N, C-alpha and C. Protein backbone atom coordinates (compact mmCIF):
# COMPACT_ATOMS: atom_id res chain seq x y z
N MET A 1 0.85 -1.18 0.00
CA MET A 1 0.00 0.00 0.00
C MET A 1 0.89 1.24 0.00
N ASN A 2 0.64 2.12 -0.95
CA ASN A 2 1.47 3.32 -1.04
C ASN A 2 0.71 4.55 -0.53
N LYS A 3 1.47 5.59 -0.22
CA LYS A 3 0.88 6.83 0.28
C LYS A 3 0.22 7.57 -0.88
N PRO A 4 -1.04 7.99 -0.71
CA PRO A 4 -1.73 8.71 -1.78
C PRO A 4 -1.04 10.03 -2.12
N LYS A 5 -1.10 10.40 -3.38
CA LYS A 5 -0.51 11.66 -3.84
C LYS A 5 -1.34 12.83 -3.32
N GLU A 6 -0.65 13.90 -2.97
CA GLU A 6 -1.33 15.11 -2.52
C GLU A 6 -1.17 16.20 -3.58
N PHE A 7 -2.29 16.79 -3.96
CA PHE A 7 -2.29 17.91 -4.90
C PHE A 7 -2.52 19.18 -4.10
N GLU A 8 -1.65 20.16 -4.28
CA GLU A 8 -1.80 21.44 -3.59
C GLU A 8 -2.33 22.46 -4.58
N VAL A 9 -3.48 23.06 -4.24
CA VAL A 9 -4.11 24.05 -5.11
C VAL A 9 -4.50 25.27 -4.29
N LYS A 10 -4.62 26.40 -4.96
CA LYS A 10 -5.04 27.62 -4.26
C LYS A 10 -6.51 27.55 -3.91
N THR A 11 -7.33 27.09 -4.86
CA THR A 11 -8.78 26.99 -4.65
C THR A 11 -9.28 25.64 -5.15
N LEU A 12 -10.46 25.27 -4.70
CA LEU A 12 -11.05 24.02 -5.20
C LEU A 12 -11.37 24.14 -6.68
N ASN A 13 -11.67 25.33 -7.15
CA ASN A 13 -11.92 25.54 -8.58
C ASN A 13 -10.69 25.19 -9.40
N GLU A 14 -9.52 25.48 -8.86
CA GLU A 14 -8.27 25.15 -9.55
C GLU A 14 -8.16 23.63 -9.73
N PHE A 15 -8.51 22.88 -8.68
CA PHE A 15 -8.48 21.42 -8.79
C PHE A 15 -9.53 20.95 -9.79
N GLN A 16 -10.72 21.55 -9.75
CA GLN A 16 -11.78 21.19 -10.68
C GLN A 16 -11.33 21.40 -12.13
N GLU A 17 -10.57 22.45 -12.37
CA GLU A 17 -10.03 22.70 -13.71
C GLU A 17 -9.10 21.57 -14.14
N LEU A 18 -8.27 21.09 -13.20
CA LEU A 18 -7.38 19.96 -13.51
C LEU A 18 -8.20 18.73 -13.89
N VAL A 19 -9.27 18.49 -13.16
CA VAL A 19 -10.15 17.35 -13.44
C VAL A 19 -10.81 17.53 -14.80
N ASP A 20 -11.37 18.72 -15.04
CA ASP A 20 -12.06 18.99 -16.31
C ASP A 20 -11.13 18.84 -17.51
N LYS A 21 -9.87 19.22 -17.33
CA LYS A 21 -8.89 19.12 -18.42
C LYS A 21 -8.25 17.73 -18.49
N LYS A 22 -8.70 16.86 -17.59
CA LYS A 22 -8.19 15.48 -17.53
C LYS A 22 -6.67 15.46 -17.39
N HIS A 23 -6.19 16.23 -16.44
CA HIS A 23 -4.75 16.33 -16.20
C HIS A 23 -4.19 14.94 -15.89
N PHE A 24 -3.16 14.56 -16.60
CA PHE A 24 -2.62 13.20 -16.52
C PHE A 24 -2.12 12.84 -15.12
N SER A 25 -1.64 13.80 -14.36
CA SER A 25 -1.12 13.49 -13.03
C SER A 25 -2.22 12.94 -12.12
N ILE A 26 -3.45 13.34 -12.34
CA ILE A 26 -4.56 12.81 -11.55
C ILE A 26 -4.79 11.35 -11.92
N SER A 27 -4.79 11.07 -13.20
CA SER A 27 -4.95 9.70 -13.67
C SER A 27 -3.83 8.80 -13.13
N GLN A 28 -2.60 9.30 -13.18
CA GLN A 28 -1.46 8.54 -12.65
C GLN A 28 -1.65 8.24 -11.17
N ALA A 29 -2.09 9.23 -10.41
CA ALA A 29 -2.27 9.05 -8.97
C ALA A 29 -3.35 8.01 -8.68
N ILE A 30 -4.44 8.06 -9.43
CA ILE A 30 -5.54 7.12 -9.23
C ILE A 30 -5.10 5.70 -9.57
N VAL A 31 -4.47 5.54 -10.72
CA VAL A 31 -4.02 4.20 -11.14
C VAL A 31 -2.99 3.66 -10.15
N SER A 32 -2.07 4.48 -9.74
CA SER A 32 -1.05 4.05 -8.78
C SER A 32 -1.69 3.60 -7.46
N SER A 33 -2.67 4.33 -7.00
CA SER A 33 -3.35 3.96 -5.75
C SER A 33 -4.08 2.63 -5.90
N ILE A 34 -4.75 2.45 -7.02
CA ILE A 34 -5.48 1.20 -7.24
C ILE A 34 -4.50 0.03 -7.31
N LEU A 35 -3.46 0.17 -8.12
CA LEU A 35 -2.49 -0.93 -8.27
C LEU A 35 -1.81 -1.25 -6.95
N GLY A 36 -1.58 -0.24 -6.14
CA GLY A 36 -0.94 -0.45 -4.85
C GLY A 36 -1.86 -1.03 -3.79
N ASN A 37 -3.16 -1.09 -4.10
CA ASN A 37 -4.14 -1.59 -3.12
C ASN A 37 -4.97 -2.75 -3.64
N LEU A 38 -4.50 -3.42 -4.66
CA LEU A 38 -5.26 -4.54 -5.24
C LEU A 38 -5.55 -5.63 -4.22
N LYS A 39 -4.63 -5.87 -3.31
CA LYS A 39 -4.79 -6.96 -2.35
C LYS A 39 -5.37 -6.49 -1.02
N SER A 40 -5.68 -5.23 -0.92
CA SER A 40 -6.24 -4.69 0.32
C SER A 40 -7.63 -5.26 0.58
N ARG A 41 -7.94 -5.45 1.84
CA ARG A 41 -9.26 -5.94 2.22
C ARG A 41 -10.22 -4.79 2.53
N LYS A 42 -9.72 -3.57 2.49
CA LYS A 42 -10.56 -2.40 2.76
C LYS A 42 -11.58 -2.22 1.65
N LYS A 43 -12.77 -1.74 2.02
CA LYS A 43 -13.81 -1.48 1.03
C LYS A 43 -13.61 -0.15 0.34
N ASN A 44 -13.09 0.85 1.05
CA ASN A 44 -12.83 2.18 0.51
C ASN A 44 -11.33 2.46 0.58
N ILE A 45 -10.78 2.90 -0.54
CA ILE A 45 -9.35 3.15 -0.62
C ILE A 45 -9.11 4.64 -0.86
N HIS A 46 -8.16 5.19 -0.11
CA HIS A 46 -7.78 6.59 -0.24
C HIS A 46 -6.97 6.74 -1.53
N MET A 47 -7.52 7.47 -2.49
CA MET A 47 -6.89 7.64 -3.81
C MET A 47 -5.90 8.80 -3.83
N LEU A 48 -6.36 9.97 -3.38
CA LEU A 48 -5.52 11.16 -3.39
C LEU A 48 -6.08 12.18 -2.43
N SER A 49 -5.28 13.20 -2.15
CA SER A 49 -5.69 14.29 -1.27
C SER A 49 -5.53 15.60 -2.02
N ILE A 50 -6.44 16.51 -1.73
CA ILE A 50 -6.36 17.85 -2.31
C ILE A 50 -6.19 18.83 -1.15
N LYS A 51 -5.05 19.51 -1.14
CA LYS A 51 -4.79 20.50 -0.11
C LYS A 51 -5.16 21.86 -0.69
N CYS A 52 -6.23 22.44 -0.16
CA CYS A 52 -6.73 23.72 -0.65
C CYS A 52 -6.19 24.83 0.24
N LEU A 53 -5.32 25.65 -0.31
CA LEU A 53 -4.67 26.70 0.47
C LEU A 53 -5.64 27.80 0.88
N GLU A 54 -6.61 28.11 0.03
CA GLU A 54 -7.56 29.19 0.29
C GLU A 54 -8.33 28.98 1.59
N ASP A 55 -8.81 27.78 1.80
CA ASP A 55 -9.57 27.52 3.03
C ASP A 55 -8.82 26.62 4.02
N ASN A 56 -7.52 26.41 3.76
CA ASN A 56 -6.66 25.65 4.67
C ASN A 56 -7.28 24.30 5.05
N THR A 57 -7.72 23.58 4.02
CA THR A 57 -8.40 22.31 4.22
C THR A 57 -7.79 21.25 3.31
N ILE A 58 -7.81 20.01 3.79
CA ILE A 58 -7.37 18.88 2.97
C ILE A 58 -8.59 18.01 2.72
N TYR A 59 -8.83 17.73 1.44
CA TYR A 59 -9.94 16.87 1.04
C TYR A 59 -9.36 15.54 0.58
N ASP A 60 -9.88 14.45 1.13
CA ASP A 60 -9.43 13.12 0.75
C ASP A 60 -10.42 12.51 -0.23
N ILE A 61 -9.91 12.00 -1.32
CA ILE A 61 -10.74 11.34 -2.33
C ILE A 61 -10.56 9.83 -2.18
N THR A 62 -11.67 9.13 -2.01
CA THR A 62 -11.63 7.68 -1.84
C THR A 62 -12.41 7.01 -2.98
N LEU A 63 -12.16 5.73 -3.13
CA LEU A 63 -12.85 4.94 -4.15
C LEU A 63 -13.22 3.60 -3.55
N GLU A 64 -14.45 3.17 -3.78
CA GLU A 64 -14.86 1.85 -3.31
C GLU A 64 -14.18 0.79 -4.17
N LYS A 65 -13.74 -0.25 -3.49
CA LYS A 65 -12.95 -1.28 -4.18
C LYS A 65 -13.70 -1.91 -5.36
N HIS A 66 -15.03 -2.02 -5.26
CA HIS A 66 -15.78 -2.64 -6.36
C HIS A 66 -15.78 -1.78 -7.63
N ASN A 67 -15.29 -0.54 -7.52
CA ASN A 67 -15.18 0.34 -8.69
C ASN A 67 -13.77 0.35 -9.30
N PHE A 68 -12.87 -0.45 -8.76
CA PHE A 68 -11.48 -0.46 -9.25
C PHE A 68 -11.40 -0.77 -10.75
N ALA A 69 -12.03 -1.87 -11.18
CA ALA A 69 -11.90 -2.30 -12.58
C ALA A 69 -12.41 -1.24 -13.55
N SER A 70 -13.57 -0.68 -13.28
CA SER A 70 -14.13 0.33 -14.18
C SER A 70 -13.29 1.61 -14.18
N THR A 71 -12.73 1.95 -13.04
CA THR A 71 -11.88 3.14 -12.95
C THR A 71 -10.57 2.92 -13.69
N LEU A 72 -10.00 1.73 -13.57
CA LEU A 72 -8.79 1.42 -14.35
C LEU A 72 -9.08 1.46 -15.84
N GLN A 73 -10.22 0.90 -16.23
CA GLN A 73 -10.61 0.89 -17.64
C GLN A 73 -10.74 2.32 -18.17
N GLU A 74 -11.35 3.19 -17.38
CA GLU A 74 -11.53 4.60 -17.77
C GLU A 74 -10.18 5.31 -17.92
N ASN A 75 -9.24 5.01 -17.07
CA ASN A 75 -7.95 5.69 -17.09
C ASN A 75 -6.95 5.08 -18.06
N LEU A 76 -7.19 3.86 -18.51
CA LEU A 76 -6.29 3.17 -19.44
C LEU A 76 -6.04 3.99 -20.70
N LYS A 77 -7.07 4.63 -21.21
CA LYS A 77 -6.92 5.38 -22.47
C LYS A 77 -5.90 6.51 -22.37
N TYR A 78 -5.76 7.09 -21.18
CA TYR A 78 -4.80 8.19 -21.02
C TYR A 78 -3.35 7.67 -21.09
N PHE A 79 -3.15 6.44 -20.63
CA PHE A 79 -1.82 5.82 -20.73
C PHE A 79 -1.55 5.38 -22.17
N GLU A 80 -2.60 4.90 -22.85
CA GLU A 80 -2.45 4.52 -24.26
C GLU A 80 -2.10 5.73 -25.12
N GLU A 81 -2.77 6.86 -24.86
CA GLU A 81 -2.50 8.09 -25.61
C GLU A 81 -1.04 8.51 -25.49
N ARG A 82 -0.44 8.23 -24.35
CA ARG A 82 0.95 8.61 -24.11
C ARG A 82 1.92 7.47 -24.45
N GLU A 83 1.39 6.41 -25.03
CA GLU A 83 2.17 5.25 -25.44
C GLU A 83 3.00 4.67 -24.30
N MET A 84 2.39 4.60 -23.13
CA MET A 84 3.04 4.04 -21.95
C MET A 84 2.61 2.57 -21.83
N TYR A 85 3.13 1.77 -22.74
CA TYR A 85 2.63 0.42 -22.93
C TYR A 85 2.92 -0.53 -21.77
N GLU A 86 4.02 -0.34 -21.07
CA GLU A 86 4.29 -1.20 -19.91
C GLU A 86 3.23 -0.98 -18.83
N GLN A 87 2.87 0.29 -18.60
CA GLN A 87 1.83 0.60 -17.63
C GLN A 87 0.48 0.10 -18.12
N CYS A 88 0.24 0.18 -19.43
CA CYS A 88 -1.01 -0.33 -20.00
C CYS A 88 -1.15 -1.83 -19.73
N ALA A 89 -0.06 -2.55 -19.90
CA ALA A 89 -0.07 -4.00 -19.65
C ALA A 89 -0.38 -4.27 -18.18
N GLU A 90 0.21 -3.48 -17.29
CA GLU A 90 -0.03 -3.65 -15.86
C GLU A 90 -1.50 -3.34 -15.51
N ILE A 91 -2.04 -2.31 -16.12
CA ILE A 91 -3.45 -1.94 -15.90
C ILE A 91 -4.36 -3.04 -16.42
N ASN A 92 -4.09 -3.53 -17.63
CA ASN A 92 -4.91 -4.61 -18.20
C ASN A 92 -4.86 -5.87 -17.34
N SER A 93 -3.69 -6.19 -16.84
CA SER A 93 -3.54 -7.36 -15.97
C SER A 93 -4.38 -7.19 -14.69
N ALA A 94 -4.35 -6.00 -14.13
CA ALA A 94 -5.13 -5.73 -12.92
C ALA A 94 -6.63 -5.82 -13.21
N ILE A 95 -7.06 -5.31 -14.36
CA ILE A 95 -8.48 -5.39 -14.73
C ILE A 95 -8.91 -6.85 -14.84
N LYS A 96 -8.08 -7.69 -15.46
CA LYS A 96 -8.39 -9.12 -15.60
C LYS A 96 -8.46 -9.78 -14.22
N THR A 97 -7.51 -9.46 -13.36
CA THR A 97 -7.50 -10.03 -12.00
C THR A 97 -8.76 -9.63 -11.25
N LEU A 98 -9.13 -8.36 -11.33
CA LEU A 98 -10.32 -7.89 -10.64
C LEU A 98 -11.59 -8.52 -11.21
N SER A 99 -11.61 -8.75 -12.51
CA SER A 99 -12.77 -9.38 -13.14
C SER A 99 -12.93 -10.83 -12.65
N LYS A 100 -11.82 -11.53 -12.47
CA LYS A 100 -11.85 -12.90 -11.96
C LYS A 100 -12.38 -12.93 -10.53
N ILE A 101 -12.00 -11.95 -9.74
CA ILE A 101 -12.44 -11.87 -8.35
C ILE A 101 -13.96 -11.67 -8.30
N LYS A 102 -14.49 -10.82 -9.17
CA LYS A 102 -15.92 -10.54 -9.20
C LYS A 102 -16.73 -11.77 -9.58
N THR A 103 -16.20 -12.58 -10.49
CA THR A 103 -16.95 -13.73 -10.99
C THR A 103 -16.81 -14.97 -10.10
N SER A 104 -15.88 -14.94 -9.15
CA SER A 104 -15.72 -16.12 -8.31
C SER A 104 -16.50 -16.01 -7.02
């Protein structure tokens, strides 16, 4: 299990802009958190944190484990666009593993 990435922003709107623009660092953080927690027994996994300087607050983003496969599938295209094929193979392997777990 790895430590979730922390994004520091001035305002929450700044973070929302990163999400809207599909900033790759967010996708990397999410995929890394999922891959690092594949064997976890927790139902909710801490994906990333947003440190908002304006209101001096940290927001934690979590994901339910049953959403891992669909979230990996959604983020796979961003790795394909960047031709990061080793990571794509790792993501595909994790999706297959998670699919086997669901069907058993």
